[in-house]
PDB file of all heavy atoms in Angstrom:
ATOM      1  N   GLY A   1       0.857  -1.211  -0.013  1.00  0.00           N
ATOM      2  CA  GLY A   1      -0.016  -0.015   0.029  1.00  0.00           C
ATOM      3  C   GLY A   1       0.879   1.238   0.018  1.00  0.00           C
ATOM      4  O   GLY A   1       1.813   1.343  -0.824  1.00  0.00           O
ATOM      5  N   PRO A   2       0.664   2.165   0.962  1.00  0.00           N
ATOM      6  CA  PRO A   2       1.468   3.349   1.029  1.00  0.00           C
ATOM      7  C   PRO A   2       2.857   3.214   1.664  1.00  0.00           C
ATOM      8  O   PRO A   2       3.703   4.080   1.668  1.00  0.00           O
ATOM      9  CB  PRO A   2       0.644   4.339   1.762  1.00  0.00           C
ATOM     10  CG  PRO A   2      -0.140   3.482   2.707  1.00  0.00           C
ATOM     11  CD  PRO A   2      -0.438   2.230   1.916  1.00  0.00           C
ATOM     12  N   HIS A   3       3.075   2.050   2.255  1.00  0.00           N
ATOM     13  CA  HIS A   3       4.302   1.820   3.015  1.00  0.00           C
ATOM     14  C   HIS A   3       5.367   1.258   2.100  1.00  0.00           C
ATOM     15  O   HIS A   3       5.143   0.476   1.200  1.00  0.00           O
ATOM     16  CB  HIS A   3       4.052   0.824   4.167  1.00  0.00           C
ATOM     17  CG  HIS A   3       2.969   1.254   5.072  1.00  0.00           C
ATOM     18  ND1 HIS A   3       3.114   2.318   5.948  1.00  0.00           N
ATOM     19  CD2 HIS A   3       1.717   0.830   5.170  1.00  0.00           C
ATOM     20  CE1 HIS A   3       1.921   2.509   6.583  1.00  0.00           C
ATOM     21  NE2 HIS A   3       1.084   1.604   6.106  1.00  0.00           N
ATOM     22  N   ARG A   4       6.649   1.706   2.312  1.00  0.00           N
ATOM     23  CA  ARG A   4       7.782   1.277   1.514  1.00  0.00           C
ATOM     24  C   ARG A   4       8.879   0.687   2.396  1.00  0.00           C
ATOM     25  O   ARG A   4       9.066   1.080   3.516  1.00  0.00           O
ATOM     26  CB  ARG A   4       8.355   2.502   0.783  1.00  0.00           C
ATOM     27  CG  ARG A   4       7.413   3.275  -0.104  1.00  0.00           C
ATOM     28  CD  ARG A   4       7.230   2.442  -1.426  1.00  0.00           C
ATOM     29  NE  ARG A   4       6.324   3.087  -2.324  1.00  0.00           N
ATOM     30  CZ  ARG A   4       5.017   2.814  -2.421  1.00  0.00           C
ATOM     31  NH1 ARG A   4       4.446   1.879  -1.678  1.00  0.00           N
ATOM     32  NH2 ARG A   4       4.251   3.397  -3.299  1.00  0.00           N
ATOM     33  N   LEU A   5       9.570  -0.286   1.796  1.00  0.00           N
ATOM     34  CA  LEU A   5      10.731  -0.942   2.460  1.00  0.00           C
ATOM     35  C   LEU A   5      11.829  -0.887   1.425  1.00  0.00           C
ATOM     36  O   LEU A   5      11.798  -1.570   0.376  1.00  0.00           O
ATOM     37  CB  LEU A   5      10.398  -2.350   2.895  1.00  0.00           C
ATOM     38  CG  LEU A   5      11.433  -3.057   3.690  1.00  0.00           C
ATOM     39  CD1 LEU A   5      11.752  -2.343   4.984  1.00  0.00           C
ATOM     40  CD2 LEU A   5      10.970  -4.482   3.978  1.00  0.00           C
ATOM     41  N   ARG A   6      12.836  -0.014   1.635  1.00  0.00           N
ATOM     42  CA  ARG A   6      13.888   0.221   0.612  1.00  0.00           C
ATOM     43  C   ARG A   6      14.983  -0.859   0.720  1.00  0.00           C
ATOM     44  O   ARG A   6      15.310  -1.342   1.747  1.00  0.00           O
ATOM     45  CB  ARG A   6      14.557   1.583   0.869  1.00  0.00           C
ATOM     46  CG  ARG A   6      13.582   2.753   0.588  1.00  0.00           C
ATOM     47  CD  ARG A   6      14.174   4.071   0.833  1.00  0.00           C
ATOM     48  NE  ARG A   6      14.647   4.218   2.195  1.00  0.00           N
ATOM     49  CZ  ARG A   6      15.832   4.685   2.537  1.00  0.00           C
ATOM     50  NH1 ARG A   6      16.690   5.134   1.646  1.00  0.00           N
ATOM     51  NH2 ARG A   6      16.198   4.764   3.829  1.00  0.00           N
ATOM     52  N   TYR A   7      15.480  -1.216  -0.487  1.00  0.00           N
ATOM     53  CA  TYR A   7      16.520  -2.202  -0.586  1.00  0.00           C
ATOM     54  C   TYR A   7      17.427  -1.911  -1.765  1.00  0.00           C
ATOM     55  O   TYR A   7      17.104  -1.084  -2.624  1.00  0.00           O
ATOM     56  CB  TYR A   7      15.895  -3.619  -0.747  1.00  0.00           C
ATOM     57  CG  TYR A   7      15.238  -3.877  -2.071  1.00  0.00           C
ATOM     58  CD1 TYR A   7      15.908  -4.510  -3.097  1.00  0.00           C
ATOM     59  CD2 TYR A   7      13.957  -3.454  -2.297  1.00  0.00           C
ATOM     60  CE1 TYR A   7      15.273  -4.721  -4.354  1.00  0.00           C
ATOM     61  CE2 TYR A   7      13.301  -3.660  -3.475  1.00  0.00           C
ATOM     62  CZ  TYR A   7      13.960  -4.305  -4.508  1.00  0.00           C
ATOM     63  OH  TYR A   7      13.358  -4.460  -5.708  1.00  0.00           O
ATOM     64  N   GLN A   8      18.595  -2.583  -1.821  1.00  0.00           N
ATOM     65  CA  GLN A   8      19.532  -2.431  -2.877  1.00  0.00           C
ATOM     66  C   GLN A   8      20.079  -3.815  -3.323  1.00  0.00           C
ATOM     67  O   GLN A   8      20.082  -4.728  -2.488  1.00  0.00           O
ATOM     68  CB  GLN A   8      20.681  -1.568  -2.445  1.00  0.00           C
ATOM     69  CG  GLN A   8      20.292  -0.153  -2.081  1.00  0.00           C
ATOM     70  CD  GLN A   8      21.435   0.560  -1.412  1.00  0.00           C
ATOM     71  OE1 GLN A   8      22.188   0.020  -0.644  1.00  0.00           O
ATOM     72  NE2 GLN A   8      21.524   1.863  -1.697  1.00  0.00           N
ATOM     73  N   LEU A   9      20.510  -3.987  -4.538  1.00  0.00           N
ATOM     74  CA  LEU A   9      21.097  -5.225  -5.056  1.00  0.00           C
ATOM     75  C   LEU A   9      22.481  -4.933  -5.612  1.00  0.00           C
ATOM     76  O   LEU A   9      22.667  -3.941  -6.291  1.00  0.00           O
ATOM     77  CB  LEU A   9      20.206  -5.819  -6.108  1.00  0.00           C
ATOM     78  CG  LEU A   9      18.798  -6.223  -5.689  1.00  0.00           C
ATOM     79  CD1 LEU A   9      17.969  -6.652  -6.874  1.00  0.00           C
ATOM     80  CD2 LEU A   9      18.828  -7.276  -4.636  1.00  0.00           C
ATOM     81  N   PHE A  10      23.433  -5.770  -5.260  1.00  0.00           N
ATOM     82  CA  PHE A  10      24.836  -5.616  -5.605  1.00  0.00           C
ATOM     83  C   PHE A  10      25.423  -6.898  -6.256  1.00  0.00           C
ATOM     84  O   PHE A  10      24.920  -7.973  -6.062  1.00  0.00           O
ATOM     85  CB  PHE A  10      25.662  -5.269  -4.374  1.00  0.00           C
ATOM     86  CG  PHE A  10      25.230  -3.988  -3.692  1.00  0.00           C
ATOM     87  CD1 PHE A  10      24.288  -4.035  -2.688  1.00  0.00           C
ATOM     88  CD2 PHE A  10      25.717  -2.788  -4.092  1.00  0.00           C
ATOM     89  CE1 PHE A  10      23.873  -2.864  -2.081  1.00  0.00           C
ATOM     90  CE2 PHE A  10      25.360  -1.595  -3.480  1.00  0.00           C
ATOM     91  CZ  PHE A  10      24.417  -1.632  -2.452  1.00  0.00           C
ATOM     92  N   LEU A  11      26.564  -6.738  -6.910  1.00  0.00           N
ATOM     93  CA  LEU A  11      27.242  -7.838  -7.555  1.00  0.00           C
ATOM     94  C   LEU A  11      28.451  -8.345  -6.762  1.00  0.00           C
ATOM     95  O   LEU A  11      29.089  -9.329  -7.106  1.00  0.00           O
ATOM     96  CB  LEU A  11      27.740  -7.454  -8.931  1.00  0.00           C
ATOM     97  CG  LEU A  11      26.577  -7.113  -9.955  1.00  0.00           C
ATOM     98  CD1 LEU A  11      27.219  -6.624 -11.256  1.00  0.00           C
ATOM     99  CD2 LEU A  11      25.769  -8.345 -10.170  1.00  0.00           C
ATOM    100  N   ASP A  12      28.795  -7.698  -5.650  1.00  0.00           N
ATOM    101  CA  ASP A  12      29.908  -8.047  -4.830  1.00  0.00           C
ATOM    102  C   ASP A  12      29.585  -8.164  -3.394  1.00  0.00           C
ATOM    103  O   ASP A  12      28.695  -7.458  -2.911  1.00  0.00           O
ATOM    104  CB  ASP A  12      31.053  -7.042  -5.062  1.00  0.00           C
ATOM    105  CG  ASP A  12      30.743  -5.688  -4.558  1.00  0.00           C
ATOM    106  OD1 ASP A  12      29.561  -5.206  -4.813  1.00  0.00           O
ATOM    107  OD2 ASP A  12      31.549  -5.032  -3.890  1.00  0.00           O
ATOM    108  N   PRO A  13      30.341  -8.986  -2.621  1.00  0.00           N
ATOM    109  CA  PRO A  13      29.968  -9.156  -1.178  1.00  0.00           C
ATOM    110  C   PRO A  13      30.218  -7.870  -0.360  1.00  0.00           C
ATOM    111  O   PRO A  13      29.539  -7.647   0.668  1.00  0.00           O
ATOM    112  CB  PRO A  13      30.933 -10.279  -0.761  1.00  0.00           C
ATOM    113  CG  PRO A  13      31.831 -10.571  -1.888  1.00  0.00           C
ATOM    114  CD  PRO A  13      31.340  -9.876  -3.086  1.00  0.00           C
ATOM    115  N   ALA A  14      31.089  -6.993  -0.793  1.00  0.00           N
ATOM    116  CA  ALA A  14      31.339  -5.733  -0.116  1.00  0.00           C
ATOM    117  C   ALA A  14      30.164  -4.724  -0.367  1.00  0.00           C
ATOM    118  O   ALA A  14      30.134  -3.685   0.310  1.00  0.00           O
ATOM    119  CB  ALA A  14      32.655  -5.141  -0.546  1.00  0.00           C
ATOM    120  N   LYS A  15      29.334  -5.003  -1.288  1.00  0.00           N
ATOM    121  CA  LYS A  15      28.172  -4.161  -1.660  1.00  0.00           C
ATOM    122  C   LYS A  15      28.646  -2.766  -2.101  1.00  0.00           C
ATOM    123  O   LYS A  15      28.104  -1.777  -1.733  1.00  0.00           O
ATOM    124  CB  LYS A  15      27.202  -4.083  -0.553  1.00  0.00           C
ATOM    125  CG  LYS A  15      26.599  -5.476  -0.291  1.00  0.00           C
ATOM    126  CD  LYS A  15      25.821  -5.564   0.964  1.00  0.00           C
ATOM    127  CE  LYS A  15      25.538  -7.010   1.253  1.00  0.00           C
ATOM    128  NZ  LYS A  15      26.749  -7.757   1.723  1.00  0.00           N
ATOM    129  N   MET A  16      29.639  -2.831  -3.007  1.00  0.00           N
ATOM    130  CA  MET A  16      30.189  -1.594  -3.533  1.00  0.00           C
ATOM    131  C   MET A  16      29.815  -1.469  -5.050  1.00  0.00           C
ATOM    132  O   MET A  16      29.905  -0.356  -5.594  1.00  0.00           O
ATOM    133  CB  MET A  16      31.697  -1.561  -3.441  1.00  0.00           C
ATOM    134  CG  MET A  16      32.212  -1.654  -1.975  1.00  0.00           C
ATOM    135  SD  MET A  16      31.773  -0.206  -1.046  1.00  0.00           S
ATOM    136  CE  MET A  16      32.861   1.029  -1.743  1.00  0.00           C
ATOM    137  N   ILE A  17      29.381  -2.543  -5.722  1.00  0.00           N
ATOM    138  CA  ILE A  17      29.068  -2.531  -7.140  1.00  0.00           C
ATOM    139  C   ILE A  17      27.584  -2.798  -7.307  1.00  0.00           C
ATOM    140  O   ILE A  17      27.101  -3.925  -7.267  1.00  0.00           O
ATOM    141  CB  ILE A  17      29.896  -3.604  -7.920  1.00  0.00           C
ATOM    142  CG1 ILE A  17      31.415  -3.402  -7.681  1.00  0.00           C
ATOM    143  CG2 ILE A  17      29.597  -3.520  -9.410  1.00  0.00           C
ATOM    144  CD1 ILE A  17      32.251  -4.530  -8.191  1.00  0.00           C
ATOM    145  N   PRO A  18      26.811  -1.720  -7.514  1.00  0.00           N
ATOM    146  CA  PRO A  18      25.366  -1.881  -7.706  1.00  0.00           C
ATOM    147  C   PRO A  18      25.044  -2.619  -8.975  1.00  0.00           C
ATOM    148  O   PRO A  18      25.637  -2.333 -10.039  1.00  0.00           O
ATOM    149  CB  PRO A  18      24.830  -0.487  -7.750  1.00  0.00           C
ATOM    150  CG  PRO A  18      25.922   0.470  -7.431  1.00  0.00           C
ATOM    151  CD  PRO A  18      27.200  -0.303  -7.575  1.00  0.00           C
ATOM    152  N   TRP A  19      24.072  -3.541  -8.926  1.00  0.00           N
ATOM    153  CA  TRP A  19      23.627  -4.306 -10.095  1.00  0.00           C
ATOM    154  C   TRP A  19      22.573  -3.402 -10.781  1.00  0.00           C
ATOM    155  O   TRP A  19      21.656  -2.925 -10.139  1.00  0.00           O
ATOM    156  CB  TRP A  19      23.012  -5.606  -9.668  1.00  0.00           C
ATOM    157  CG  TRP A  19      22.661  -6.537 -10.829  1.00  0.00           C
ATOM    158  CD1 TRP A  19      23.116  -6.510 -12.071  1.00  0.00           C
ATOM    159  CD2 TRP A  19      21.739  -7.599 -10.736  1.00  0.00           C
ATOM    160  NE1 TRP A  19      22.507  -7.517 -12.843  1.00  0.00           N
ATOM    161  CE2 TRP A  19      21.676  -8.197 -12.013  1.00  0.00           C
ATOM    162  CE3 TRP A  19      20.967  -8.140  -9.753  1.00  0.00           C
ATOM    163  CZ2 TRP A  19      20.894  -9.250 -12.338  1.00  0.00           C
ATOM    164  CZ3 TRP A  19      20.109  -9.191 -10.028  1.00  0.00           C
ATOM    165  CH2 TRP A  19      20.101  -9.770 -11.333  1.00  0.00           C
ATOM    166  N   GLY A  20      22.738  -3.253 -12.081  1.00  0.00           N
ATOM    167  CA  GLY A  20      21.781  -2.449 -12.834  1.00  0.00           C
ATOM    168  C   GLY A  20      21.897  -2.712 -14.336  1.00  0.00           C
ATOM    169  O   GLY A  20      22.179  -3.795 -14.731  1.00  0.00           O
ATOM    170  N   ASP A  21      21.706  -1.605 -15.080  1.00  0.00           N
ATOM    171  CA  ASP A  21      21.701  -1.759 -16.552  1.00  0.00           C
ATOM    172  C   ASP A  21      23.034  -1.277 -17.182  1.00  0.00           C
ATOM    173  O   ASP A  21      23.136  -1.201 -18.373  1.00  0.00           O
ATOM    174  CB  ASP A  21      20.558  -0.998 -17.167  1.00  0.00           C
ATOM    175  CG  ASP A  21      20.611   0.502 -16.859  1.00  0.00           C
ATOM    176  OD1 ASP A  21      21.584   1.011 -16.249  1.00  0.00           O
ATOM    177  OD2 ASP A  21      19.660   1.196 -17.245  1.00  0.00           O
ATOM    178  N   GLY A  22      24.028  -0.941 -16.326  1.00  0.00           N
ATOM    179  CA  GLY A  22      25.278  -0.543 -16.818  1.00  0.00           C
ATOM    180  C   GLY A  22      25.406   0.984 -16.978  1.00  0.00           C
ATOM    181  O   GLY A  22      26.515   1.458 -17.280  1.00  0.00           O
ATOM    182  N   SER A  23      24.364   1.725 -16.672  1.00  0.00           N
ATOM    183  CA  SER A  23      24.443   3.140 -16.727  1.00  0.00           C
ATOM    184  C   SER A  23      24.879   3.699 -15.393  1.00  0.00           C
ATOM    185  O   SER A  23      24.705   3.032 -14.368  1.00  0.00           O
ATOM    186  CB  SER A  23      23.123   3.780 -17.191  1.00  0.00           C
ATOM    187  OG  SER A  23      22.100   3.502 -16.220  1.00  0.00           O
ATOM    188  N   GLY A  24      25.429   4.875 -15.320  1.00  0.00           N
ATOM    189  CA  GLY A  24      25.846   5.484 -14.117  1.00  0.00           C
ATOM    190  C   GLY A  24      26.844   4.632 -13.388  1.00  0.00           C
ATOM    191  O   GLY A  24      27.806   4.113 -13.973  1.00  0.00           O
ATOM    192  N   ALA A  25      26.650   4.391 -12.083  1.00  0.00           N
ATOM    193  CA  ALA A  25      27.586   3.577 -11.286  1.00  0.00           C
ATOM    194  C   ALA A  25      27.177   2.110 -11.310  1.00  0.00           C
ATOM    195  O   ALA A  25      27.863   1.326 -10.691  1.00  0.00           O
ATOM    196  CB  ALA A  25      27.531   4.088  -9.852  1.00  0.00           C
ATOM    197  N   THR A  26      26.166   1.734 -12.064  1.00  0.00           N
ATOM    198  CA  THR A  26      25.731   0.311 -12.004  1.00  0.00           C
ATOM    199  C   THR A  26      26.516  -0.529 -13.012  1.00  0.00           C
ATOM    200  O   THR A  26      27.083  -0.054 -13.983  1.00  0.00           O
ATOM    201  CB  THR A  26      24.241   0.177 -12.394  1.00  0.00           C
ATOM    202  OG1 THR A  26      24.025   0.498 -13.748  1.00  0.00           O
ATOM    203  CG2 THR A  26      23.391   1.095 -11.475  1.00  0.00           C
ATOM    204  N   ARG A  27      26.543  -1.802 -12.736  1.00  0.00           N
ATOM    205  CA  ARG A  27      27.214  -2.798 -13.586  1.00  0.00           C
ATOM    206  C   ARG A  27      26.233  -3.874 -13.951  1.00  0.00           C
ATOM    207  O   ARG A  27      25.244  -4.107 -13.349  1.00  0.00           O
ATOM    208  CB  ARG A  27      28.430  -3.430 -12.893  1.00  0.00           C
ATOM    209  CG  ARG A  27      29.503  -2.411 -12.468  1.00  0.00           C
ATOM    210  CD  ARG A  27      30.316  -1.931 -13.662  1.00  0.00           C
ATOM    211  NE  ARG A  27      31.375  -1.167 -13.268  1.00  0.00           N
ATOM    212  CZ  ARG A  27      31.391   0.182 -13.111  1.00  0.00           C
ATOM    213  NH1 ARG A  27      30.310   0.807 -13.359  1.00  0.00           N
ATOM    214  NH2 ARG A  27      32.482   0.838 -12.785  1.00  0.00           N
ATOM    215  N   THR A  28      26.597  -4.618 -15.002  1.00  0.00           N
ATOM    216  CA  THR A  28      25.856  -5.795 -15.446  1.00  0.00           C
ATOM    217  C   THR A  28      26.698  -7.028 -15.189  1.00  0.00           C
ATOM    218  O   THR A  28      27.908  -6.913 -14.918  1.00  0.00           O
ATOM    219  CB  THR A  28      25.438  -5.708 -16.957  1.00  0.00           C
ATOM    220  OG1 THR A  28      26.673  -5.659 -17.691  1.00  0.00           O
ATOM    221  CG2 THR A  28      24.608  -4.474 -17.255  1.00  0.00           C
ATOM    222  N   ILE A  29      26.132  -8.188 -15.304  1.00  0.00           N
ATOM    223  CA  ILE A  29      26.857  -9.451 -15.179  1.00  0.00           C
ATOM    224  C   ILE A  29      27.315  -9.797 -16.566  1.00  0.00           C
ATOM    225  O   ILE A  29      26.483  -9.906 -17.482  1.00  0.00           O
ATOM    226  CB  ILE A  29      25.955 -10.540 -14.568  1.00  0.00           C
ATOM    227  CG1 ILE A  29      25.506 -10.181 -13.162  1.00  0.00           C
ATOM    228  CG2 ILE A  29      26.671 -11.904 -14.587  1.00  0.00           C
ATOM    229  CD1 ILE A  29      24.408 -11.105 -12.651  1.00  0.00           C
ATOM    230  N   SER A  30      28.559 -10.042 -16.760  1.00  0.00           N
ATOM    231  CA  SER A  30      29.080 -10.462 -18.079  1.00  0.00           C
ATOM    232  C   SER A  30      28.922 -11.965 -18.236  1.00  0.00           C
ATOM    233  O   SER A  30      29.218 -12.717 -17.283  1.00  0.00           O
ATOM    234  CB  SER A  30      30.598 -10.109 -18.184  1.00  0.00           C
ATOM    235  OG  SER A  30      30.749  -8.714 -18.191  1.00  0.00           O
ATOM    236  N   VAL A  31      28.532 -12.376 -19.375  1.00  0.00           N
ATOM    237  CA  VAL A  31      28.307 -13.736 -19.696  1.00  0.00           C
ATOM    238  C   VAL A  31      29.212 -14.140 -20.852  1.00  0.00           C
ATOM    239  O   VAL A  31      29.286 -13.404 -21.848  1.00  0.00           O
ATOM    240  CB  VAL A  31      26.842 -14.044 -20.154  1.00  0.00           C
ATOM    241  CG1 VAL A  31      26.640 -15.430 -20.648  1.00  0.00           C
ATOM    242  CG2 VAL A  31      25.869 -13.714 -19.017  1.00  0.00           C
ATOM    243  N   SER A  32      30.003 -15.264 -20.719  1.00  0.00           N
ATOM    244  CA  SER A  32      30.898 -15.632 -21.777  1.00  0.00           C
ATOM    245  C   SER A  32      31.126 -17.117 -21.679  1.00  0.00           C
ATOM    246  O   SER A  32      31.370 -17.655 -20.580  1.00  0.00           O
ATOM    247  CB  SER A  32      32.209 -14.908 -21.659  1.00  0.00           C
ATOM    248  OG  SER A  32      33.099 -15.286 -22.700  1.00  0.00           O
ATOM    249  N   GLY A  33      31.065 -17.818 -22.790  1.00  0.00           N
ATOM    250  CA  GLY A  33      31.395 -19.271 -22.819  1.00  0.00           C
ATOM    251  C   GLY A  33      30.985 -19.918 -24.114  1.00  0.00           C
ATOM    252  O   GLY A  33      30.537 -19.215 -25.032  1.00  0.00           O
ATOM    253  N   VAL A  34      31.206 -21.202 -24.168  1.00  0.00           N
ATOM    254  CA  VAL A  34      30.994 -21.941 -25.374  1.00  0.00           C
ATOM    255  C   VAL A  34      29.958 -23.033 -25.060  1.00  0.00           C
ATOM    256  O   VAL A  34      29.997 -23.671 -23.999  1.00  0.00           O
ATOM    257  CB  VAL A  34      32.287 -22.636 -25.912  1.00  0.00           C
ATOM    258  CG1 VAL A  34      31.980 -23.465 -27.138  1.00  0.00           C
ATOM    259  CG2 VAL A  34      33.309 -21.563 -26.264  1.00  0.00           C
ATOM    260  N   VAL A  35      28.986 -23.238 -25.972  1.00  0.00           N
ATOM    261  CA  VAL A  35      27.956 -24.229 -25.777  1.00  0.00           C
ATOM    262  C   VAL A  35      27.931 -25.123 -27.042  1.00  0.00           C
ATOM    263  O   VAL A  35      28.120 -24.659 -28.161  1.00  0.00           O
ATOM    264  CB  VAL A  35      26.606 -23.541 -25.505  1.00  0.00           C
ATOM    265  CG1 VAL A  35      26.162 -22.698 -26.693  1.00  0.00           C
ATOM    266  CG2 VAL A  35      25.519 -24.580 -25.194  1.00  0.00           C
ATOM    267  N   GLY A  36      27.660 -26.398 -26.792  1.00  0.00           N
ATOM    268  CA  GLY A  36      27.555 -27.371 -27.869  1.00  0.00           C
ATOM    269  C   GLY A  36      26.395 -28.297 -27.605  1.00  0.00           C
ATOM    270  O   GLY A  36      25.781 -28.223 -26.529  1.00  0.00           O
ATOM    271  N   ALA A  37      26.090 -29.152 -28.531  1.00  0.00           N
ATOM    272  CA  ALA A  37      24.938 -30.091 -28.393  1.00  0.00           C
ATOM    273  C   ALA A  37      25.095 -30.969 -27.175  1.00  0.00           C
ATOM    274  O   ALA A  37      24.051 -31.274 -26.536  1.00  0.00           O
ATOM    275  CB  ALA A  37      24.794 -30.934 -29.677  1.00  0.00           C
TER     276      ALA A  37
END
């Protein structure tokens, strides 16, 4: 309803790298690898 509970999400245990869309101070998770049948 009108009540809010604020939170944040991070990519590191020190909570210094905010998870986001890569803009500003946020970072994304990089994906890299090879896939086969």
